PDB file of N, CA and C in Angstrom:
ATOM      1  N   UNK A   1     134.319 111.276  95.844  1.00  0.00           N
ATOM      2  CA  UNK A   1     133.167 110.982  95.223  1.00  0.00           C
ATOM      3  C   UNK A   1     132.794 109.644  95.091  1.00  0.00           C
ATOM      4  N   UNK A   2     131.928 109.055  95.592  1.00  0.00           N
ATOM      5  CA  UNK A   2     131.544 107.888  95.457  1.00  0.00           C
ATOM      6  C   UNK A   2     130.432 107.392  94.207  1.00  0.00           C
ATOM      7  N   UNK A   3     130.402 106.312  93.777  1.00  0.00           N
ATOM      8  CA  UNK A   3     129.407 106.004  92.536  1.00  0.00           C
ATOM      9  C   UNK A   3     128.459 105.105  93.212  1.00  0.00           C
ATOM     10  N   UNK A   4     127.591 105.055  92.142  1.00  0.00           N
ATOM     11  CA  UNK A   4     126.169 104.478  92.552  1.00  0.00           C
ATOM     12  C   UNK A   4     126.504 102.846  92.679  1.00  0.00           C
ATOM     13  N   UNK A   5     127.368 102.246  92.161  1.00  0.00           N
ATOM     14  CA  UNK A   5     127.747 100.931  92.535  1.00  0.00           C
ATOM     15  C   UNK A   5     128.086 100.705  93.789  1.00  0.00           C
ATOM     16  N   UNK A   6     129.184 101.618  94.334  1.00  0.00           N
ATOM     17  CA  UNK A   6     129.683 101.446  95.568  1.00  0.00           C
ATOM     18  C   UNK A   6     128.610 101.689  96.658  1.00  0.00           C
ATOM     19  N   UNK A   7     127.453 102.750  96.344  1.00  0.00           N
ATOM     20  CA  UNK A   7     126.739 103.080  97.183  1.00  0.00           C
ATOM     21  C   UNK A   7     125.844 102.015  97.435  1.00  0.00           C
ATOM     22  N   UNK A   8     125.209 101.102  96.333  1.00  0.00           N
ATOM     23  CA  UNK A   8     124.406 100.090  96.333  1.00  0.00           C
ATOM     24  C   UNK A   8     125.390  98.915  97.179  1.00  0.00           C
ATOM     25  N   UNK A   9     126.461  98.681  96.914  1.00  0.00           N
ATOM     26  CA  UNK A   9     127.196  97.854  97.670  1.00  0.00           C
ATOM     27  C   UNK A   9     127.207  97.639  99.061  1.00  0.00           C
ATOM     28  N   UNK A  10     127.283  98.965  99.412  1.00  0.00           N
ATOM     29  CA  UNK A  10     127.575  99.294 100.841  1.00  0.00           C
ATOM     30  C   UNK A  10     126.208  99.445 101.576  1.00  0.00           C
ATOM     31  N   UNK A  11     125.204  99.370 100.806  1.00  0.00           N
ATOM     32  CA  UNK A  11     123.836  99.556 101.502  1.00  0.00           C
ATOM     33  C   UNK A  11     123.389 100.838 101.737  1.00  0.00           C
ATOM     34  N   UNK A  12     124.020 101.835 100.919  1.00  0.00           N
ATOM     35  CA  UNK A  12     123.740 103.274 101.229  1.00  0.00           C
ATOM     36  C   UNK A  12     122.674 103.797 100.474  1.00  0.00           C
ATOM     37  N   UNK A  13     122.311 103.077  99.522  1.00  0.00           N
ATOM     38  CA  UNK A  13     121.237 103.558  98.469  1.00  0.00           C
ATOM     39  C   UNK A  13     119.886 103.274  98.905  1.00  0.00           C
ATOM     40  N   UNK A  14     119.248 104.015  99.415  1.00  0.00           N
ATOM     41  CA  UNK A  14     117.880 104.029 100.109  1.00  0.00           C
ATOM     42  C   UNK A  14     116.817 104.940  99.154  1.00  0.00           C
ATOM     43  N   UNK A  15     116.486 104.358  97.945  1.00  0.00           N
ATOM     44  CA  UNK A  15     115.559 104.983  97.227  1.00  0.00           C
ATOM     45  C   UNK A  15     114.219 105.382  97.758  1.00  0.00           C
ATOM     46  N   UNK A  16     113.768 104.570  98.784  1.00  0.00           N
ATOM     47  CA  UNK A  16     112.470 104.661  99.382  1.00  0.00           C
ATOM     48  C   UNK A  16     112.483 105.836 100.269  1.00  0.00           C
ATOM     49  N   UNK A  17     113.618 106.194 100.856  1.00  0.00           N
ATOM     50  CA  UNK A  17     113.753 107.320 101.550  1.00  0.00           C
ATOM     51  C   UNK A  17     113.784 108.607 101.150  1.00  0.00           C
ATOM     52  N   UNK A  18     114.034 108.514  99.925  1.00  0.00           N
ATOM     53  CA  UNK A  18     114.242 109.822  99.057  1.00  0.00           C
ATOM     54  C   UNK A  18     113.231 110.149  98.310  1.00  0.00           C
ATOM     55  N   UNK A  19     112.231 109.491  98.234  1.00  0.00           N
ATOM     56  CA  UNK A  19     111.121 109.831  97.640  1.00  0.00           C
ATOM     57  C   UNK A  19     109.969 110.789  98.398  1.00  0.00           C
ATOM     58  N   UNK A  20     109.684 112.124  97.839  1.00  0.00           N
ATOM     59  CA  UNK A  20     109.225 113.045  98.454  1.00  0.00           C
ATOM     60  C   UNK A  20     108.233 114.078  97.388  1.00  0.00           C
ATOM     61  N   UNK A  21     106.975 113.175  97.060  1.00  0.00           N
ATOM     62  CA  UNK A  21     106.221 113.694  96.003  1.00  0.00           C
ATOM     63  C   UNK A  21     106.012 115.112  96.385  1.00  0.00           C
ATOM     64  N   UNK A  22     105.958 116.038  95.304  1.00  0.00           N
ATOM     65  CA  UNK A  22     105.884 117.533  95.284  1.00  0.00           C
ATOM     66  C   UNK A  22     104.401 117.784  94.775  1.00  0.00           C
ATOM     67  N   UNK A  23     103.839 116.782  94.228  1.00  0.00           N
ATOM     68  CA  UNK A  23     102.404 117.010  93.741  1.00  0.00           C
ATOM     69  C   UNK A  23     101.312 117.521  94.794  1.00  0.00           C
ATOM     70  N   UNK A  24     100.935 118.684  94.403  1.00  0.00           N
ATOM     71  CA  UNK A  24      99.934 119.309  95.485  1.00  0.00           C
ATOM     72  C   UNK A  24      98.951 118.395  95.852  1.00  0.00           C
ATOM     73  N   UNK A  25      98.251 117.711  94.683  1.00  0.00           N
ATOM     74  CA  UNK A  25      97.153 116.611  94.960  1.00  0.00           C
ATOM     75  C   UNK A  25      97.455 115.645  95.977  1.00  0.00           C
ATOM     76  N   UNK A  26      98.761 115.169  96.125  1.00  0.00           N
ATOM     77  CA  UNK A  26      99.135 114.262  96.718  1.00  0.00           C
ATOM     78  C   UNK A  26      99.294 114.796  98.309  1.00  0.00           C
ATOM     79  N   UNK A  27      99.820 115.795  98.323  1.00  0.00           N
ATOM     80  CA  UNK A  27      99.930 116.770  99.801  1.00  0.00           C
ATOM     81  C   UNK A  27      98.276 116.812 100.379  1.00  0.00           C
ATOM     82  N   UNK A  28      97.707 117.065  99.474  1.00  0.00           N
ATOM     83  CA  UNK A  28      96.077 117.399  99.860  1.00  0.00           C
ATOM     84  C   UNK A  28      95.576 116.150 100.299  1.00  0.00           C
ATOM     85  N   UNK A  29      95.549 115.070  99.481  1.00  0.00           N
ATOM     86  CA  UNK A  29      95.157 113.819  99.940  1.00  0.00           C
ATOM     87  C   UNK A  29      95.556 113.448 101.281  1.00  0.00           C
ATOM     88  N   UNK A  30      96.938 113.515 101.499  1.00  0.00           N
ATOM     89  CA  UNK A  30      97.582 113.223 102.822  1.00  0.00           C
ATOM     90  C   UNK A  30      96.822 114.036 104.154  1.00  0.00           C
ATOM     91  N   UNK A  31      96.680 115.338 103.545  1.00  0.00           N
ATOM     92  CA  UNK A  31      95.962 116.227 104.732  1.00  0.00           C
ATOM     93  C   UNK A  31      94.780 115.724 105.005  1.00  0.00           C
ATOM     94  N   UNK A  32      93.809 115.267 103.847  1.00  0.00           N
ATOM     95  CA  UNK A  32      92.619 114.634 104.372  1.00  0.00           C
ATOM     96  C   UNK A  32      92.795 113.518 105.006  1.00  0.00           C
ATOM     97  N   UNK A  33      93.650 112.606 104.727  1.00  0.00           N
ATOM     98  CA  UNK A  33      93.712 111.461 105.590  1.00  0.00           C
ATOM     99  C   UNK A  33      94.002 111.597 106.907  1.00  0.00           C
ATOM    100  N   UNK A  34      94.958 112.652 107.210  1.00  0.00           N
ATOM    101  CA  UNK A  34      95.134 113.022 108.558  1.00  0.00           C
ATOM    102  C   UNK A  34      94.028 113.671 109.284  1.00  0.00           C
ATOM    103  N   UNK A  35      93.297 114.545 108.477  1.00  0.00           N
ATOM    104  CA  UNK A  35      92.173 115.135 109.113  1.00  0.00           C
ATOM    105  C   UNK A  35      90.979 114.112 109.411  1.00  0.00           C
ATOM    106  N   UNK A  36      90.819 113.140 108.613  1.00  0.00           N
ATOM    107  CA  UNK A  36      89.860 111.932 108.803  1.00  0.00           C
ATOM    108  C   UNK A  36      90.294 111.226 110.017  1.00  0.00           C
ATOM    109  N   UNK A  37      91.770 110.995 110.070  1.00  0.00           N
ATOM    110  CA  UNK A  37      91.975 109.950 111.095  1.00  0.00           C
ATOM    111  C   UNK A  37      91.734 110.630 112.567  1.00  0.00           C
ATOM    112  N   UNK A  38      92.149 112.030 112.582  1.00  0.00           N
ATOM    113  CA  UNK A  38      91.706 112.665 113.812  1.00  0.00           C
ATOM    114  C   UNK A  38      90.250 112.628 114.215  1.00  0.00           C
ATOM    115  N   UNK A  39      89.245 112.707 113.266  1.00  0.00           N
ATOM    116  CA  UNK A  39      87.952 112.942 113.474  1.00  0.00           C
ATOM    117  C   UNK A  39      87.685 111.241 113.909  1.00  0.00           C
ATOM    118  N   UNK A  40      88.122 110.432 113.281  1.00  0.00           N
ATOM    119  CA  UNK A  40      87.979 108.910 113.748  1.00  0.00           C
ATOM    120  C   UNK A  40      88.381 108.843 115.103  1.00  0.00           C
ATOM    121  N   UNK A  41      89.576 109.497 115.371  1.00  0.00           N
ATOM    122  CA  UNK A  41      89.944 109.376 116.850  1.00  0.00           C
ATOM    123  C   UNK A  41      89.044 109.549 117.835  1.00  0.00           C
ATOM    124  N   UNK A  42      88.365 110.838 117.770  1.00  0.00           N
ATOM    125  CA  UNK A  42      87.362 111.376 118.398  1.00  0.00           C
ATOM    126  C   UNK A  42      85.882 110.638 118.357  1.00  0.00           C
ATOM    127  N   UNK A  43      85.640 110.154 117.286  1.00  0.00           N
ATOM    128  CA  UNK A  43      84.197 109.555 117.138  1.00  0.00           C
ATOM    129  C   UNK A  43      84.185 108.032 117.741  1.00  0.00           C
ATOM    130  N   UNK A  44      85.364 107.519 117.299  1.00  0.00           N
ATOM    131  CA  UNK A  44      85.372 105.997 117.802  1.00  0.00           C
ATOM    132  C   UNK A  44      85.783 105.647 119.209  1.00  0.00           C
ATOM    133  N   UNK A  45      85.432 104.397 119.565  1.00  0.00           N
ATOM    134  CA  UNK A  45      85.968 103.942 120.897  1.00  0.00           C
ATOM    135  C   UNK A  45      87.553 103.841 120.688  1.00  0.00           C
ATOM    136  N   UNK A  46      88.203 103.587 121.807  1.00  0.00           N
ATOM    137  CA  UNK A  46      89.629 103.244 121.548  1.00  0.00           C
ATOM    138  C   UNK A  46      89.928 102.072 120.848  1.00  0.00           C
ATOM    139  N   UNK A  47      88.999 100.985 121.049  1.00  0.00           N
ATOM    140  CA  UNK A  47      89.128  99.509 120.520  1.00  0.00           C
ATOM    141  C   UNK A  47      88.807  99.650 119.088  1.00  0.00           C
ATOM    142  N   UNK A  48      87.908 100.574 118.499  1.00  0.00           N
ATOM    143  CA  UNK A  48      87.627 100.754 117.028  1.00  0.00           C
ATOM    144  C   UNK A  48      88.402 101.436 116.435  1.00  0.00           C
ATOM    145  N   UNK A  49      89.081 102.623 117.330  1.00  0.00           N
ATOM    146  CA  UNK A  49      90.221 103.398 116.431  1.00  0.00           C
ATOM    147  C   UNK A  49      91.554 102.388 116.247  1.00  0.00           C
ATOM    148  N   UNK A  50      91.728 101.505 117.379  1.00  0.00           N
ATOM    149  CA  UNK A  50      92.841 100.721 117.257  1.00  0.00           C
ATOM    150  C   UNK A  50      92.632  99.782 116.119  1.00  0.00           C
ATOM    151  N   UNK A  51      91.560  99.376 115.926  1.00  0.00           N
ATOM    152  CA  UNK A  51      91.165  98.185 114.670  1.00  0.00           C
ATOM    153  C   UNK A  51      91.432  99.068 113.572  1.00  0.00           C
ATOM    154  N   UNK A  52      90.879 100.229 113.433  1.00  0.00           N
ATOM    155  CA  UNK A  52      91.191 101.359 112.174  1.00  0.00           C
ATOM    156  C   UNK A  52      92.464 101.456 111.970  1.00  0.00           C
ATOM    157  N   UNK A  53      93.333 101.786 112.986  1.00  0.00           N
ATOM    158  CA  UNK A  53      94.778 101.989 112.679  1.00  0.00           C
ATOM    159  C   UNK A  53      95.560 100.814 112.360  1.00  0.00           C
ATOM    160  N   UNK A  54      95.138  99.496 112.844  1.00  0.00           N
ATOM    161  CA  UNK A  54      95.503  98.262 112.247  1.00  0.00           C
ATOM    162  C   UNK A  54      95.340  98.016 110.718  1.00  0.00           C
ATOM    163  N   UNK A  55      94.197  98.263 110.423  1.00  0.00           N
ATOM    164  CA  UNK A  55      93.649  98.242 108.740  1.00  0.00           C
ATOM    165  C   UNK A  55      94.636  99.340 108.116  1.00  0.00           C
ATOM    166  N   UNK A  56      94.683 100.625 108.682  1.00  0.00           N
ATOM    167  CA  UNK A  56      95.474 101.424 107.886  1.00  0.00           C
ATOM    168  C   UNK A  56      96.800 100.913 107.740  1.00  0.00           C
ATOM    169  N   UNK A  57      97.523 100.305 108.635  1.00  0.00           N
ATOM    170  CA  UNK A  57      98.849  99.727 108.796  1.00  0.00           C
ATOM    171  C   UNK A  57      98.966  98.529 107.661  1.00  0.00           C
ATOM    172  N   UNK A  58      97.916  97.650 107.549  1.00  0.00           N
ATOM    173  CA  UNK A  58      98.090  96.636 106.738  1.00  0.00           C
ATOM    174  C   UNK A  58      97.818  96.960 105.303  1.00  0.00           C
ATOM    175  N   UNK A  59      97.067  98.253 105.074  1.00  0.00           N
ATOM    176  CA  UNK A  59      96.894  98.831 103.759  1.00  0.00           C
ATOM    177  C   UNK A  59      98.178  99.309 103.353  1.00  0.00           C
ATOM    178  N   UNK A  60      99.017  99.972 104.334  1.00  0.00           N
ATOM    179  CA  UNK A  60     100.477 100.457 104.185  1.00  0.00           C
ATOM    180  C   UNK A  60     101.376  99.535 103.634  1.00  0.00           C
ATOM    181  N   UNK A  61     101.301  98.429 104.315  1.00  0.00           N
ATOM    182  CA  UNK A  61     102.115  97.345 104.090  1.00  0.00           C
ATOM    183  C   UNK A  61     101.996  96.588 102.731  1.00  0.00           C
ATOM    184  N   UNK A  62     100.668  96.458 102.498  1.00  0.00           N
ATOM    185  CA  UNK A  62     100.314  95.955 101.007  1.00  0.00           C
ATOM    186  C   UNK A  62     100.830  96.840 100.085  1.00  0.00           C
ATOM    187  N   UNK A  63     100.514  97.964 100.174  1.00  0.00           N
ATOM    188  CA  UNK A  63     101.034  98.955  99.225  1.00  0.00           C
ATOM    189  C   UNK A  63     102.497  98.944  98.906  1.00  0.00           C
ATOM    190  N   UNK A  64     103.198  98.911 100.234  1.00  0.00           N
ATOM    191  CA  UNK A  64     104.673  98.891  99.944  1.00  0.00           C
ATOM    192  C   UNK A  64     105.334  97.700  99.324  1.00  0.00           C
ATOM    193  N   UNK A  65     104.527  96.745  99.383  1.00  0.00           N
ATOM    194  CA  UNK A  65     104.913  95.243  98.811  1.00  0.00           C
ATOM    195  C   UNK A  65     104.612  95.656  97.260  1.00  0.00           C
ATOM    196  N   UNK A  66     103.539  96.171  96.974  1.00  0.00           N
ATOM    197  CA  UNK A  66     102.998  96.393  95.432  1.00  0.00           C
ATOM    198  C   UNK A  66     104.034  97.570  94.927  1.00  0.00           C
ATOM    199  N   UNK A  67     104.472  98.409  95.428  1.00  0.00           N
ATOM    200  CA  UNK A  67     105.404  99.334  95.004  1.00  0.00           C
ATOM    201  C   UNK A  67     106.829  98.758  94.730  1.00  0.00           C
ATOM    202  N   UNK A  68     107.260  98.119  95.754  1.00  0.00           N
ATOM    203  CA  UNK A  68     108.522  97.268  95.574  1.00  0.00           C
ATOM    204  C   UNK A  68     108.307  96.257  94.227  1.00  0.00           C
ATOM    205  N   UNK A  69     107.538  95.616  94.017  1.00  0.00           N
ATOM    206  CA  UNK A  69     107.220  94.917  92.982  1.00  0.00           C
ATOM    207  C   UNK A  69     107.445  95.551  91.594  1.00  0.00           C
ATOM    208  N   UNK A  70     106.587  96.699  91.906  1.00  0.00           N
ATOM    209  CA  UNK A  70     106.410  97.581  90.497  1.00  0.00           C
ATOM    210  C   UNK A  70     107.898  98.057  90.259  1.00  0.00           C
ATOM    211  N   UNK A  71     108.511  98.424  90.955  1.00  0.00           N
ATOM    212  CA  UNK A  71     110.056  98.928  91.033  1.00  0.00           C
ATOM    213  C   UNK A  71     110.991  97.836  90.433  1.00  0.00           C
ATOM    214  N   UNK A  72     110.851  96.881  90.913  1.00  0.00           N
ATOM    215  CA  UNK A  72     111.518  95.677  90.439  1.00  0.00           C
ATOM    216  C   UNK A  72     111.249  95.369  88.944  1.00  0.00           C
ATOM    217  N   UNK A  73     110.071  95.173  88.644  1.00  0.00           N
ATOM    218  CA  UNK A  73     109.613  95.082  87.396  1.00  0.00           C
ATOM    219  C   UNK A  73     110.010  96.285  86.229  1.00  0.00           C
ATOM    220  N   UNK A  74     109.834  97.347  86.757  1.00  0.00           N
ATOM    221  CA  UNK A  74     110.525  98.370  85.855  1.00  0.00           C
ATOM    222  C   UNK A  74     111.956  98.483  85.658  1.00  0.00           C
ATOM    223  N   UNK A  75     112.769  98.305  86.910  1.00  0.00           N
ATOM    224  CA  UNK A  75     114.100  98.122  86.671  1.00  0.00           C
ATOM    225  C   UNK A  75     114.588  96.989  85.774  1.00  0.00           C
ATOM    226  N   UNK A  76     113.839  95.897  85.858  1.00  0.00           N
ATOM    227  CA  UNK A  76     114.020  94.742  84.834  1.00  0.00           C
ATOM    228  C   UNK A  76     113.873  95.163  83.487  1.00  0.00           C
ATOM    229  N   UNK A  77     112.823  95.685  83.167  1.00  0.00           N
ATOM    230  CA  UNK A  77     112.204  96.092  82.114  1.00  0.00           C
ATOM    231  C   UNK A  77     113.430  97.170  81.380  1.00  0.00           C
ATOM    232  N   UNK A  78     113.901  98.203  82.488  1.00  0.00           N
ATOM    233  CA  UNK A  78     114.891  99.102  81.949  1.00  0.00           C
ATOM    234  C   UNK A  78     116.149  98.343  81.482  1.00  0.00           C
ATOM    235  N   UNK A  79     116.623  97.612  82.227  1.00  0.00           N
ATOM    236  CA  UNK A  79     117.725  96.764  82.083  1.00  0.00           C
ATOM    237  C   UNK A  79     117.812  95.840  80.458  1.00  0.00           C
ATOM    238  N   UNK A  80     116.520  95.192  80.515  1.00  0.00           N
ATOM    239  CA  UNK A  80     116.307  94.615  79.266  1.00  0.00           C
ATOM    240  C   UNK A  80     116.407  95.357  78.024  1.00  0.00           C
ATOM    241  N   UNK A  81     115.627  96.691  78.333  1.00  0.00           N
ATOM    242  CA  UNK A  81     115.791  97.774  77.233  1.00  0.00           C
ATOM    243  C   UNK A  81     117.096  98.113  76.883  1.00  0.00           C
ATOM    244  N   UNK A  82     117.807  98.227  77.698  1.00  0.00           N
ATOM    245  CA  UNK A  82     119.329  98.588  77.625  1.00  0.00           C
ATOM    246  C   UNK A  82     119.922  97.481  76.822  1.00  0.00           C
ATOM    247  N   UNK A  83     119.787  96.425  77.283  1.00  0.00           N
ATOM    248  CA  UNK A  83     120.474  95.299  76.663  1.00  0.00           C
ATOM    249  C   UNK A  83     119.944  95.106  75.218  1.00  0.00           C
ATOM    250  N   UNK A  84     118.645  95.387  74.740  1.00  0.00           N
ATOM    251  CA  UNK A  84     118.447  95.123  73.606  1.00  0.00           C
ATOM    252  C   UNK A  84     118.831  96.164  72.551  1.00  0.00           C
ATOM    253  N   UNK A  85     119.061  97.582  73.239  1.00  0.00           N
ATOM    254  CA  UNK A  85     119.450  98.716  72.384  1.00  0.00           C
ATOM    255  C   UNK A  85     121.173  98.552  72.016  1.00  0.00           C
ATOM    256  N   UNK A  86     121.595  97.931  73.056  1.00  0.00           N
ATOM    257  CA  UNK A  86     123.084  97.757  72.992  1.00  0.00           C
ATOM    258  C   UNK A  86     123.299  96.588  71.894  1.00  0.00           C
ATOM    259  N   UNK A  87     122.755  95.433  72.165  1.00  0.00           N
ATOM    260  CA  UNK A  87     122.731  94.121  71.242  1.00  0.00           C
ATOM    261  C   UNK A  87     122.428  94.646  69.663  1.00  0.00           C
ATOM    262  N   UNK A  88     121.380  95.259  69.414  1.00  0.00           N
ATOM    263  CA  UNK A  88     120.958  95.520  68.283  1.00  0.00           C
ATOM    264  C   UNK A  88     121.714  96.722  67.434  1.00  0.00           C
ATOM    265  N   UNK A  89     122.683  97.605  68.196  1.00  0.00           N
ATOM    266  CA  UNK A  89     123.410  98.488  67.646  1.00  0.00           C
ATOM    267  C   UNK A  89     124.514  97.943  66.813  1.00  0.00           C
TER     268      UNK A  89
END
């Protein structure tokens, strides 16, 4: 059995790959996005659809960067909280 520190050291800890929201609303939103993209693929010219895909990709990259920063901030805040709890004990 390996521990969390070893997994982290060896680069085996990929939290972003283990996130699978089970919220029905999340799944419905993704279905709507997929449906809309299919409609746009039919309605738009190939060039327009490629531009739309590029926009969606950029939004995804921006969102990923924001989520990463939020994770880091949350992790730091949790660490500070643990330190404060242990120090005040």
